[in-house]
C-alpha atoms as a PDB file:
ATOM      1  CA  MET A   1      -0.142  -0.089  -0.213  1.00  0.00           C
ATOM      2  CA  MET A   2       1.246   3.476  -0.915  1.00  0.00           C
ATOM      3  CA  ARG A   3       1.192   6.586   1.873  1.00  0.00           C
ATOM      4  CA  VAL A   4       0.524   9.525   0.071  1.00  0.00           C
ATOM      5  CA  LEU A   5       0.660  13.325   1.492  1.00  0.00           C
ATOM      6  CA  ILE A   6      -0.568  15.905  -0.484  1.00  0.00           C
ATOM      7  CA  LEU A   7       1.287  19.131   0.657  1.00  0.00           C
ATOM      8  CA  GLY A   8      -1.146  22.330   0.268  1.00  0.00           C
ATOM      9  CA  ALA A   9      -4.704  20.642   0.441  1.00  0.00           C
ATOM     10  CA  GLY A  10      -6.142  23.691  -1.242  1.00  0.00           C
ATOM     11  CA  ALA A  11      -9.098  23.341  -3.825  1.00  0.00           C
ATOM     12  CA  LEU A  12      -6.764  21.052  -6.323  1.00  0.00           C
ATOM     13  CA  GLY A  13      -5.129  19.264  -3.635  1.00  0.00           C
ATOM     14  CA  SER A  14      -8.630  18.311  -2.078  1.00  0.00           C
ATOM     15  CA  LEU A  15      -9.697  17.065  -5.283  1.00  0.00           C
ATOM     16  CA  VAL A  16      -6.812  14.995  -5.708  1.00  0.00           C
ATOM     17  CA  GLY A  17      -6.997  13.421  -2.434  1.00  0.00           C
ATOM     18  CA  ALA A  18     -11.166  12.908  -3.242  1.00  0.00           C
ATOM     19  CA  ARG A  19      -9.709  10.483  -6.248  1.00  0.00           C
ATOM     20  CA  LEU A  20      -6.738   8.744  -4.398  1.00  0.00           C
ATOM     21  CA  SER A  21      -9.475   7.901  -1.545  1.00  0.00           C
ATOM     22  CA  HIS A  22     -11.083   5.332  -4.038  1.00  0.00           C
ATOM     23  CA  THR A  23      -7.908   3.515  -4.487  1.00  0.00           C
ATOM     24  CA  ASP A  24      -5.762   1.400  -2.007  1.00  0.00           C
ATOM     25  CA  ALA A  25      -3.435   4.395  -1.169  1.00  0.00           C
ATOM     26  CA  GLU A  26      -3.411   5.700   2.200  1.00  0.00           C
ATOM     27  CA  THR A  27      -3.926   9.468   1.433  1.00  0.00           C
ATOM     28  CA  VAL A  28      -3.524  12.213   3.646  1.00  0.00           C
ATOM     29  CA  LEU A  29      -4.355  16.188   3.285  1.00  0.00           C
ATOM     30  CA  LEU A  30      -2.197  18.831   4.849  1.00  0.00           C
ATOM     31  CA  SER A  31      -3.067  22.465   5.010  1.00  0.00           C
ATOM     32  CA  THR A  32      -2.680  25.445   7.037  1.00  0.00           C
ATOM     33  CA  ASN A  33      -6.431  26.301   6.243  1.00  0.00           C
ATOM     34  CA  ALA A  34      -7.518  24.577   9.751  1.00  0.00           C
ATOM     35  CA  GLU A  35     -11.134  24.994   9.113  1.00  0.00           C
ATOM     36  CA  HIS A  36     -11.453  23.084   5.847  1.00  0.00           C
ATOM     37  CA  MET A  37      -9.545  20.578   7.412  1.00  0.00           C
ATOM     38  CA  ARG A  38     -11.600  20.204  10.270  1.00  0.00           C
ATOM     39  CA  THR A  39     -14.648  20.213   8.136  1.00  0.00           C
ATOM     40  CA  ILE A  40     -13.503  17.318   6.128  1.00  0.00           C
ATOM     41  CA  ARG A  41     -12.404  15.628   8.954  1.00  0.00           C
ATOM     42  CA  ASN A  42     -16.030  15.822  10.593  1.00  0.00           C
ATOM     43  CA  GLU A  43     -18.005  15.467   7.960  1.00  0.00           C
ATOM     44  CA  GLY A  44     -16.159  14.151   4.509  1.00  0.00           C
ATOM     45  CA  LEU A  45     -15.067  16.681   1.363  1.00  0.00           C
ATOM     46  CA  LEU A  46     -17.946  17.323  -0.668  1.00  0.00           C
ATOM     47  CA  VAL A  47     -17.531  17.583  -3.960  1.00  0.00           C
ATOM     48  CA  GLU A  48     -19.464  19.217  -6.522  1.00  0.00           C
ATOM     49  CA  GLU A  49     -18.803  17.175  -9.547  1.00  0.00           C
ATOM     50  CA  LEU A  50     -18.936  18.491 -13.530  1.00  0.00           C
ATOM     51  CA  ASP A  51     -22.344  16.589 -14.204  1.00  0.00           C
ATOM     52  CA  GLY A  52     -23.919  18.710 -11.043  1.00  0.00           C
ATOM     53  CA  THR A  53     -23.913  15.862  -8.610  1.00  0.00           C
ATOM     54  CA  ILE A  54     -22.228  16.062  -5.144  1.00  0.00           C
ATOM     55  CA  SER A  55     -20.224  13.315  -3.598  1.00  0.00           C
ATOM     56  CA  ARG A  56     -18.816  12.898  -0.415  1.00  0.00           C
ATOM     57  CA  HIS A  57     -15.336  11.629   0.567  1.00  0.00           C
ATOM     58  CA  ALA A  58     -14.197  10.144   3.767  1.00  0.00           C
ATOM     59  CA  LEU A  59     -10.382  11.751   3.919  1.00  0.00           C
ATOM     60  CA  GLN A  60      -7.608  11.872   6.543  1.00  0.00           C
ATOM     61  CA  CYS A  61      -7.141  15.740   7.480  1.00  0.00           C
ATOM     62  CA  CYS A  62      -3.936  17.552   9.315  1.00  0.00           C
ATOM     63  CA  ASP A  63      -2.933  21.371   9.522  1.00  0.00           C
ATOM     64  CA  ALA A  64       0.042  20.758  10.491  1.00  0.00           C
ATOM     65  CA  PRO A  65       3.171  17.947   9.951  1.00  0.00           C
ATOM     66  CA  SER A  66       3.196  16.930  13.309  1.00  0.00           C
ATOM     67  CA  GLN A  67      -0.114  15.636  12.725  1.00  0.00           C
ATOM     68  CA  VAL A  68       1.025  13.085   9.861  1.00  0.00           C
ATOM     69  CA  ALA A  69       1.307   9.910  11.409  1.00  0.00           C
ATOM     70  CA  ALA A  70       3.570   8.100   9.208  1.00  0.00           C
ATOM     71  CA  ALA A  71       6.425   8.955   6.810  1.00  0.00           C
ATOM     72  CA  PRO A  72       4.519   8.742   2.748  1.00  0.00           C
ATOM     73  CA  ASP A  73       6.191   6.902  -0.108  1.00  0.00           C
ATOM     74  CA  LEU A  74       4.551  10.230  -1.960  1.00  0.00           C
ATOM     75  CA  THR A  75       4.203  13.286  -1.121  1.00  0.00           C
ATOM     76  CA  ILE A  76       2.319  15.708  -4.029  1.00  0.00           C
ATOM     77  CA  VAL A  77       3.299  19.304  -3.540  1.00  0.00           C
ATOM     78  CA  LEU A  78       0.242  21.667  -4.603  1.00  0.00           C
ATOM     79  CA  VAL A  79       1.044  24.639  -2.260  1.00  0.00           C
ATOM     80  CA  LYS A  80       1.395  28.461  -3.890  1.00  0.00           C
ATOM     81  CA  SER A  81       4.970  28.332  -5.605  1.00  0.00           C
ATOM     82  CA  HIS A  82       5.982  31.194  -3.223  1.00  0.00           C
ATOM     83  CA  ALA A  83       5.265  28.651  -0.579  1.00  0.00           C
ATOM     84  CA  THR A  84       7.150  25.796  -1.586  1.00  0.00           C
ATOM     85  CA  GLU A  85      10.399  26.012  -0.163  1.00  0.00           C
ATOM     86  CA  ALA A  86       8.548  26.572   3.393  1.00  0.00           C
ATOM     87  CA  ALA A  87       6.521  23.760   2.906  1.00  0.00           C
ATOM     88  CA  VAL A  88       8.761  21.215   1.835  1.00  0.00           C
ATOM     89  CA  LYS A  89      11.375  21.850   4.679  1.00  0.00           C
ATOM     90  CA  SER A  90       8.432  21.807   7.150  1.00  0.00           C
ATOM     91  CA  VAL A  91       7.740  18.148   6.230  1.00  0.00           C
ATOM     92  CA  GLU A  92      11.369  17.480   6.423  1.00  0.00           C
ATOM     93  CA  GLY A  93      11.024  15.534   9.393  1.00  0.00           C
ATOM     94  CA  LEU A  94       8.282  12.318   7.196  1.00  0.00           C
ATOM     95  CA  ARG A  95      10.679  11.855   4.392  1.00  0.00           C
ATOM     96  CA  ARG A  96      12.687   8.770   3.950  1.00  0.00           C
ATOM     97  CA  ASP A  97      15.229   8.153   1.753  1.00  0.00           C
ATOM     98  CA  SER A  98      12.732   6.864  -0.768  1.00  0.00           C
ATOM     99  CA  THR A  99      10.093   9.410  -0.349  1.00  0.00           C
ATOM    100  CA  VAL A 100       9.138  10.825  -3.822  1.00  0.00           C
ATOM    101  CA  PHE A 101       8.357  14.574  -3.948  1.00  0.00           C
ATOM    102  CA  LEU A 102       5.577  15.810  -7.082  1.00  0.00           C
ATOM    103  CA  THR A 103       5.079  18.570  -8.103  1.00  0.00           C
ATOM    104  CA  LEU A 104       2.162  19.485  -9.687  1.00  0.00           C
ATOM    105  CA  GLN A 105       2.120  23.309  -9.031  1.00  0.00           C
ATOM    106  CA  ASN A 106       1.453  26.348 -11.832  1.00  0.00           C
ATOM    107  CA  GLY A 107       4.024  28.640 -12.805  1.00  0.00           C
ATOM    108  CA  MET A 108       8.047  28.075 -13.029  1.00  0.00           C
ATOM    109  CA  GLY A 109      10.732  27.123 -10.994  1.00  0.00           C
ATOM    110  CA  ASN A 110       8.849  24.293  -8.355  1.00  0.00           C
ATOM    111  CA  TRP A 111      10.935  21.191  -8.787  1.00  0.00           C
ATOM    112  CA  GLU A 112      13.988  23.425  -8.666  1.00  0.00           C
ATOM    113  CA  ARG A 113      12.700  24.796  -5.000  1.00  0.00           C
ATOM    114  CA  ILE A 114      11.703  21.451  -4.104  1.00  0.00           C
ATOM    115  CA  ALA A 115      14.846  19.880  -5.447  1.00  0.00           C
ATOM    116  CA  GLY A 116      16.686  22.771  -3.059  1.00  0.00           C
ATOM    117  CA  VAL A 117      15.657  21.520  -0.104  1.00  0.00           C
ATOM    118  CA  VAL A 118      15.336  17.409  -0.619  1.00  0.00           C
ATOM    119  CA  GLY A 119      17.502  16.946  -3.589  1.00  0.00           C
ATOM    120  CA  GLU A 120      17.155  16.511  -7.411  1.00  0.00           C
ATOM    121  CA  GLY A 121      16.837  12.600  -6.914  1.00  0.00           C
ATOM    122  CA  SER A 122      13.844  12.684  -5.089  1.00  0.00           C
ATOM    123  CA  VAL A 123      11.901  14.855  -7.651  1.00  0.00           C
ATOM    124  CA  LEU A 124       9.331  14.136  -9.932  1.00  0.00           C
ATOM    125  CA  ALA A 125       7.702  16.880 -12.182  1.00  0.00           C
ATOM    126  CA  GLY A 126       4.434  16.766 -13.592  1.00  0.00           C
ATOM    127  CA  THR A 127       1.342  19.279 -14.641  1.00  0.00           C
ATOM    128  CA  THR A 128      -2.501  19.182 -14.706  1.00  0.00           C
ATOM    129  CA  ALA A 129      -5.258  20.690 -16.447  1.00  0.00           C
ATOM    130  CA  GLN A 130      -7.871  19.469 -13.574  1.00  0.00           C
ATOM    131  CA  GLY A 131      -8.905  22.691 -12.486  1.00  0.00           C
ATOM    132  CA  ALA A 132     -11.228  23.076  -8.696  1.00  0.00           C
ATOM    133  CA  THR A 133     -12.561  25.979  -6.583  1.00  0.00           C
ATOM    134  CA  LEU A 134     -13.082  25.963  -3.185  1.00  0.00           C
ATOM    135  CA  VAL A 135     -16.407  26.992  -2.332  1.00  0.00           C
ATOM    136  CA  ALA A 136     -16.682  26.798   1.161  1.00  0.00           C
ATOM    137  CA  PRO A 137     -14.813  24.729   4.153  1.00  0.00           C
ATOM    138  CA  GLY A 138     -15.117  21.111   3.246  1.00  0.00           C
ATOM    139  CA  ARG A 139     -16.739  21.804  -0.174  1.00  0.00           C
ATOM    140  CA  ILE A 140     -15.237  21.934  -3.206  1.00  0.00           C
ATOM    141  CA  ARG A 141     -16.350  22.037  -6.996  1.00  0.00           C
ATOM    142  CA  HIS A 142     -14.935  20.462  -9.783  1.00  0.00           C
ATOM    143  CA  GLY A 143     -14.317  22.647 -12.683  1.00  0.00           C
ATOM    144  CA  GLY A 144     -13.051  21.042 -15.459  1.00  0.00           C
ATOM    145  CA  ALA A 145     -11.354  17.887 -16.049  1.00  0.00           C
ATOM    146  CA  GLY A 146      -7.822  17.399 -18.433  1.00  0.00           C
ATOM    147  CA  ALA A 147      -4.690  15.290 -18.648  1.00  0.00           C
ATOM    148  CA  THR A 148      -1.878  15.239 -16.247  1.00  0.00           C
ATOM    149  CA  HIS A 149       1.593  14.479 -17.163  1.00  0.00           C
ATOM    150  CA  ILE A 150       4.061  13.239 -15.455  1.00  0.00           C
ATOM    151  CA  GLY A 151       8.043  12.767 -15.686  1.00  0.00           C
ATOM    152  CA  GLU A 152      11.349  12.725 -14.335  1.00  0.00           C
ATOM    153  CA  VAL A 153      13.024  16.250 -14.079  1.00  0.00           C
ATOM    154  CA  HIS A 154      15.500  15.062 -16.600  1.00  0.00           C
ATOM    155  CA  GLY A 155      15.368  11.981 -19.074  1.00  0.00           C
ATOM    156  CA  ALA A 156      13.088   9.414 -19.677  1.00  0.00           C
ATOM    157  CA  ALA A 157       9.956   8.279 -17.207  1.00  0.00           C
ATOM    158  CA  SER A 158      11.175   5.857 -15.096  1.00  0.00           C
ATOM    159  CA  LYS A 159       9.721   2.689 -13.111  1.00  0.00           C
ATOM    160  CA  ARG A 160       8.868   5.394 -10.271  1.00  0.00           C
ATOM    161  CA  VAL A 161       7.096   7.355 -12.460  1.00  0.00           C
ATOM    162  CA  ALA A 162       5.528   4.629 -13.819  1.00  0.00           C
ATOM    163  CA  ARG A 163       3.762   3.575 -10.311  1.00  0.00           C
ATOM    164  CA  VAL A 164       2.619   6.976  -9.658  1.00  0.00           C
ATOM    165  CA  VAL A 165       0.821   7.282 -13.153  1.00  0.00           C
ATOM    166  CA  ASP A 166      -0.714   3.508 -12.038  1.00  0.00           C
ATOM    167  CA  LEU A 167      -2.250   4.769  -8.815  1.00  0.00           C
ATOM    168  CA  PHE A 168      -3.748   8.181 -10.627  1.00  0.00           C
ATOM    169  CA  ARG A 169      -5.093   5.996 -13.273  1.00  0.00           C
ATOM    170  CA  ARG A 170      -6.738   3.273 -10.506  1.00  0.00           C
ATOM    171  CA  ALA A 171      -7.914   7.039  -9.213  1.00  0.00           C
ATOM    172  CA  GLY A 172      -9.731   8.076 -12.658  1.00  0.00           C
ATOM    173  CA  LEU A 173      -7.509  10.388 -13.381  1.00  0.00           C
ATOM    174  CA  ASP A 174      -6.147  11.085 -17.232  1.00  0.00           C
ATOM    175  CA  VAL A 175      -2.486  10.574 -16.758  1.00  0.00           C
ATOM    176  CA  HIS A 176       0.362   9.883 -18.814  1.00  0.00           C
ATOM    177  CA  SER A 177       3.955   9.312 -18.416  1.00  0.00           C
ATOM    178  CA  SER A 178       6.427  11.312 -19.995  1.00  0.00           C
ATOM    179  CA  ASP A 179      10.191  11.591 -21.509  1.00  0.00           C
ATOM    180  CA  HIS A 180      10.263  15.223 -21.601  1.00  0.00           C
ATOM    181  CA  VAL A 181       7.946  16.708 -19.138  1.00  0.00           C
ATOM    182  CA  GLU A 182      10.009  20.424 -18.970  1.00  0.00           C
ATOM    183  CA  GLN A 183       7.989  20.617 -22.213  1.00  0.00           C
ATOM    184  CA  PHE A 184       4.254  20.296 -20.579  1.00  0.00           C
ATOM    185  CA  LEU A 185       5.804  22.778 -17.948  1.00  0.00           C
ATOM    186  CA  TRP A 186       6.462  24.707 -20.443  1.00  0.00           C
ATOM    187  CA  GLU A 187       3.128  24.325 -22.079  1.00  0.00           C
ATOM    188  CA  LYS A 188       0.806  24.619 -18.947  1.00  0.00           C
ATOM    189  CA  LEU A 189       2.927  27.977 -18.317  1.00  0.00           C
ATOM    190  CA  ILE A 190       1.715  29.225 -21.279  1.00  0.00           C
ATOM    191  CA  VAL A 191      -2.192  28.386 -21.113  1.00  0.00           C
ATOM    192  CA  ASN A 192      -1.865  29.924 -17.478  1.00  0.00           C
ATOM    193  CA  VAL A 193      -0.134  32.843 -18.650  1.00  0.00           C
ATOM    194  CA  GLY A 194      -3.112  33.565 -20.674  1.00  0.00           C
ATOM    195  CA  ILE A 195      -5.749  32.814 -18.421  1.00  0.00           C
ATOM    196  CA  ASN A 196      -4.786  33.580 -14.806  1.00  0.00           C
ATOM    197  CA  ALA A 197      -3.968  37.199 -14.899  1.00  0.00           C
ATOM    198  CA  ILE A 198      -6.559  38.333 -16.727  1.00  0.00           C
ATOM    199  CA  THR A 199      -9.543  36.307 -14.200  1.00  0.00           C
ATOM    200  CA  ALA A 200      -7.693  37.972 -11.508  1.00  0.00           C
ATOM    201  CA  LEU A 201      -8.338  41.572 -12.883  1.00  0.00           C
ATOM    202  CA  THR A 202     -12.242  41.229 -14.406  1.00  0.00           C
ATOM    203  CA  GLY A 203     -13.748  38.823 -11.202  1.00  0.00           C
ATOM    204  CA  GLY A 204     -14.480  36.884 -13.860  1.00  0.00           C
ATOM    205  CA  ARG A 205     -14.400  32.891 -14.470  1.00  0.00           C
ATOM    206  CA  ASN A 206     -12.236  30.794 -16.903  1.00  0.00           C
ATOM    207  CA  GLY A 207     -15.168  31.438 -19.537  1.00  0.00           C
ATOM    208  CA  VAL A 208     -14.210  35.249 -19.619  1.00  0.00           C
ATOM    209  CA  VAL A 209     -11.355  34.520 -21.852  1.00  0.00           C
ATOM    210  CA  ALA A 210     -13.100  33.063 -24.415  1.00  0.00           C
ATOM    211  CA  ASP A 211     -16.257  34.725 -24.471  1.00  0.00           C
ATOM    212  CA  PHE A 212     -15.267  38.601 -24.633  1.00  0.00           C
ATOM    213  CA  GLU A 213     -13.381  40.127 -27.286  1.00  0.00           C
ATOM    214  CA  ALA A 214     -11.224  42.163 -25.403  1.00  0.00           C
ATOM    215  CA  ALA A 215     -10.149  39.683 -23.101  1.00  0.00           C
ATOM    216  CA  ARG A 216      -9.324  37.387 -25.892  1.00  0.00           C
ATOM    217  CA  ASP A 217      -7.271  39.645 -27.119  1.00  0.00           C
ATOM    218  CA  ILE A 218      -5.104  39.735 -24.491  1.00  0.00           C
ATOM    219  CA  SER A 219      -4.760  36.683 -23.546  1.00  0.00           C
ATOM    220  CA  MET A 220      -3.526  35.723 -27.285  1.00  0.00           C
ATOM    221  CA  GLU A 221      -1.060  38.745 -27.084  1.00  0.00           C
ATOM    222  CA  ALA A 222      -0.024  37.257 -23.480  1.00  0.00           C
ATOM    223  CA  VAL A 223       0.245  33.680 -24.964  1.00  0.00           C
ATOM    224  CA  ALA A 224       2.501  34.687 -28.248  1.00  0.00           C
ATOM    225  CA  GLU A 225       4.804  36.592 -26.463  1.00  0.00           C
ATOM    226  CA  ALA A 226       5.289  33.526 -23.681  1.00  0.00           C
ATOM    227  CA  VAL A 227       5.537  30.796 -26.757  1.00  0.00           C
ATOM    228  CA  THR A 228       8.029  33.465 -28.228  1.00  0.00           C
ATOM    229  CA  VAL A 229      10.249  33.231 -25.167  1.00  0.00           C
ATOM    230  CA  ALA A 230       9.937  29.343 -24.599  1.00  0.00           C
ATOM    231  CA  GLU A 231      11.322  28.942 -28.293  1.00  0.00           C
ATOM    232  CA  ALA A 232      14.079  31.669 -27.428  1.00  0.00           C
ATOM    233  CA  LYS A 233      15.088  29.675 -24.184  1.00  0.00           C
ATOM    234  CA  GLY A 234      15.612  26.600 -26.685  1.00  0.00           C
ATOM    235  CA  ALA A 235      12.152  24.715 -25.434  1.00  0.00           C
ATOM    236  CA  THR A 236       9.645  22.684 -27.606  1.00  0.00           C
ATOM    237  CA  VAL A 237       6.242  23.919 -27.891  1.00  0.00           C
ATOM    238  CA  SER A 238       3.597  22.083 -29.302  1.00  0.00           C
ATOM    239  CA  SER A 239       1.489  24.814 -32.406  1.00  0.00           C
ATOM    240  CA  GLY A 240      -1.648  26.090 -31.657  1.00  0.00           C
ATOM    241  CA  MET A 241      -1.074  26.847 -28.338  1.00  0.00           C
ATOM    242  CA  ALA A 242      -3.554  29.723 -28.564  1.00  0.00           C
ATOM    243  CA  GLU A 243      -6.370  27.638 -29.646  1.00  0.00           C
ATOM    244  CA  ARG A 244      -5.613  25.495 -26.698  1.00  0.00           C
ATOM    245  CA  VAL A 245      -5.896  28.179 -24.359  1.00  0.00           C
ATOM    246  CA  LEU A 246      -9.021  28.806 -25.715  1.00  0.00           C
ATOM    247  CA  ALA A 247     -10.289  25.459 -25.690  1.00  0.00           C
ATOM    248  CA  ILE A 248      -9.191  25.125 -22.350  1.00  0.00           C
ATOM    249  CA  ALA A 249     -11.076  28.318 -21.224  1.00  0.00           C
ATOM    250  CA  ARG A 250     -14.165  26.817 -22.833  1.00  0.00           C
ATOM    251  CA  ALA A 251     -13.692  23.800 -20.997  1.00  0.00           C
ATOM    252  CA  THR A 252     -13.053  24.986 -17.728  1.00  0.00           C
ATOM    253  CA  SER A 253     -15.353  28.118 -18.263  1.00  0.00           C
ATOM    254  CA  VAL A 254     -17.013  27.933 -14.734  1.00  0.00           C
ATOM    255  CA  ASN A 255     -13.750  27.705 -12.709  1.00  0.00           C
ATOM    256  CA  ARG A 256     -12.333  30.384 -11.439  1.00  0.00           C
ATOM    257  CA  SER A 257      -8.617  30.362 -11.795  1.00  0.00           C
ATOM    258  CA  SER A 258      -6.308  29.445  -8.693  1.00  0.00           C
ATOM    259  CA  MET A 259      -5.080  33.118  -8.867  1.00  0.00           C
ATOM    260  CA  GLY A 260      -8.783  34.583  -9.440  1.00  0.00           C
ATOM    261  CA  GLN A 261      -9.187  32.584  -5.978  1.00  0.00           C
ATOM    262  CA  ASP A 262      -6.150  33.963  -4.353  1.00  0.00           C
ATOM    263  CA  VAL A 263      -7.475  37.797  -5.191  1.00  0.00           C
ATOM    264  CA  ASP A 264     -11.181  37.142  -3.834  1.00  0.00           C
ATOM    265  CA  ARG A 265      -9.502  35.890  -0.273  1.00  0.00           C
ATOM    266  CA  GLY A 266      -7.176  38.716  -0.319  1.00  0.00           C
ATOM    267  CA  ARG A 267      -3.806  36.283  -0.516  1.00  0.00           C
ATOM    268  CA  ARG A 268      -0.464  36.687  -2.516  1.00  0.00           C
ATOM    269  CA  THR A 269      -0.754  35.403  -6.184  1.00  0.00           C
ATOM    270  CA  GLU A 270       2.167  33.270  -8.178  1.00  0.00           C
ATOM    271  CA  ILE A 271       2.137  36.049 -10.843  1.00  0.00           C
ATOM    272  CA  ASP A 272       5.753  35.927 -10.344  1.00  0.00           C
ATOM    273  CA  ALA A 273       5.789  32.307 -11.094  1.00  0.00           C
ATOM    274  CA  ILE A 274       3.565  32.390 -14.206  1.00  0.00           C
ATOM    275  CA  ASN A 275       3.508  36.275 -16.214  1.00  0.00           C
ATOM    276  CA  GLY A 276       6.591  37.463 -14.043  1.00  0.00           C
ATOM    277  CA  ALA A 277       8.600  34.105 -15.341  1.00  0.00           C
ATOM    278  CA  VAL A 278       8.072  34.708 -18.533  1.00  0.00           C
ATOM    279  CA  VAL A 279       8.967  38.618 -17.807  1.00  0.00           C
ATOM    280  CA  ARG A 280      12.472  37.684 -16.285  1.00  0.00           C
ATOM    281  CA  PHE A 281      12.841  34.961 -19.288  1.00  0.00           C
ATOM    282  CA  ALA A 282      12.541  37.638 -21.441  1.00  0.00           C
ATOM    283  CA  GLU A 283      15.139  39.486 -19.997  1.00  0.00           C
ATOM    284  CA  GLU A 284      17.518  36.906 -19.982  1.00  0.00           C
ATOM    285  CA  ALA A 285      16.895  36.294 -23.860  1.00  0.00           C
ATOM    286  CA  GLY A 286      16.685  39.822 -24.684  1.00  0.00           C
ATOM    287  CA  VAL A 287      12.511  39.654 -25.900  1.00  0.00           C
ATOM    288  CA  ASP A 288      10.219  42.411 -25.369  1.00  0.00           C
ATOM    289  CA  VAL A 289       7.029  41.209 -23.319  1.00  0.00           C
ATOM    290  CA  PRO A 290       4.988  44.415 -22.584  1.00  0.00           C
ATOM    291  CA  VAL A 291       1.633  42.366 -22.551  1.00  0.00           C
ATOM    292  CA  ASN A 292       2.803  40.257 -19.904  1.00  0.00           C
ATOM    293  CA  ARG A 293       5.073  43.118 -18.180  1.00  0.00           C
ATOM    294  CA  THR A 294       1.669  44.961 -17.581  1.00  0.00           C
ATOM    295  CA  LEU A 295      -0.483  42.158 -16.559  1.00  0.00           C
ATOM    296  CA  THR A 296       2.160  41.685 -14.052  1.00  0.00           C
ATOM    297  CA  ARG A 297       2.492  45.055 -13.296  1.00  0.00           C
ATOM    298  CA  LEU A 298      -1.155  45.039 -12.521  1.00  0.00           C
ATOM    299  CA  VAL A 299      -1.406  41.906 -10.612  1.00  0.00           C
ATOM    300  CA  ARG A 300       1.128  43.585  -8.238  1.00  0.00           C
ATOM    301  CA  THR A 301      -0.549  46.413  -7.666  1.00  0.00           C
ATOM    302  CA  LEU A 302      -3.969  44.963  -6.650  1.00  0.00           C
ATOM    303  CA  GLU A 303      -2.061  42.758  -4.516  1.00  0.00           C
ATOM    304  CA  SER A 304      -0.533  46.011  -2.950  1.00  0.00           C
ATOM    305  CA  VAL A 305      -3.835  47.615  -2.780  1.00  0.00           C
ATOM    306  CA  TYR A 306      -5.867  45.051  -1.226  1.00  0.00           C
ATOM    307  CA  SER A 307      -2.635  44.049   1.507  1.00  0.00           C
ATOM    308  CA  ALA A 308      -2.254  47.401   2.508  1.00  0.00           C
END
């Protein structure tokens, strides 16, 4: 039996936990949101499914690492990018030599931050197109389904990747092993570039990007800049990224992006790991990215206003 710790059990982490709860894995949610954890512990996790039904899932929940009873075989990291290093350090005492850390976070630089604490040999990288919104403590809305890709940070997929992929498939998730996970990291970044900041700034759900011409134009310009930067950095990305962004915005139209949820709650966003990352990479590559630079500045301004 595999022991799984979900480090950062917000909306997406709770969704992954709900799916894994129906496998033979012993799954534990860990979040500093004590009310969310307490509600799930006492009443179960409610998931508003895509078809409109509501499912309930029993899960072990902790709001501090000291409450986790046993060292995990797999730690799935889903905290915000800026909290990665501190969160991983907080569970170092639970780590065995064989413990694997899998990042499914938004943005760039996350596996590097984890590797800085536990070593590159303990890290797997991945992306997921699953979407979820935290509706209330103990209740989430599944806002969109999509593929998950997992691989070694360098090189071909390994046996340990295959074990994680098998677990996720038994949980009913659409998951694939990858020999080129860096490509998926770039492509996920580009999708987030086209959706997250716009929804955070407008207060809309993901569908706003596809439904309104002005938002769509901004999104497409930001995506085009990000593709140019990726190519300048030597990354390979699939053709038709603009069309993919719009398709994902439509498929997750009822979902509120993670950045939008952060703004709703007056929290620090992941803008520096998403549009801000494009700006940093552009500066390194000598590429001009005025739309991403403006989106980054606007979200930072919004953060300053509500945190003042």
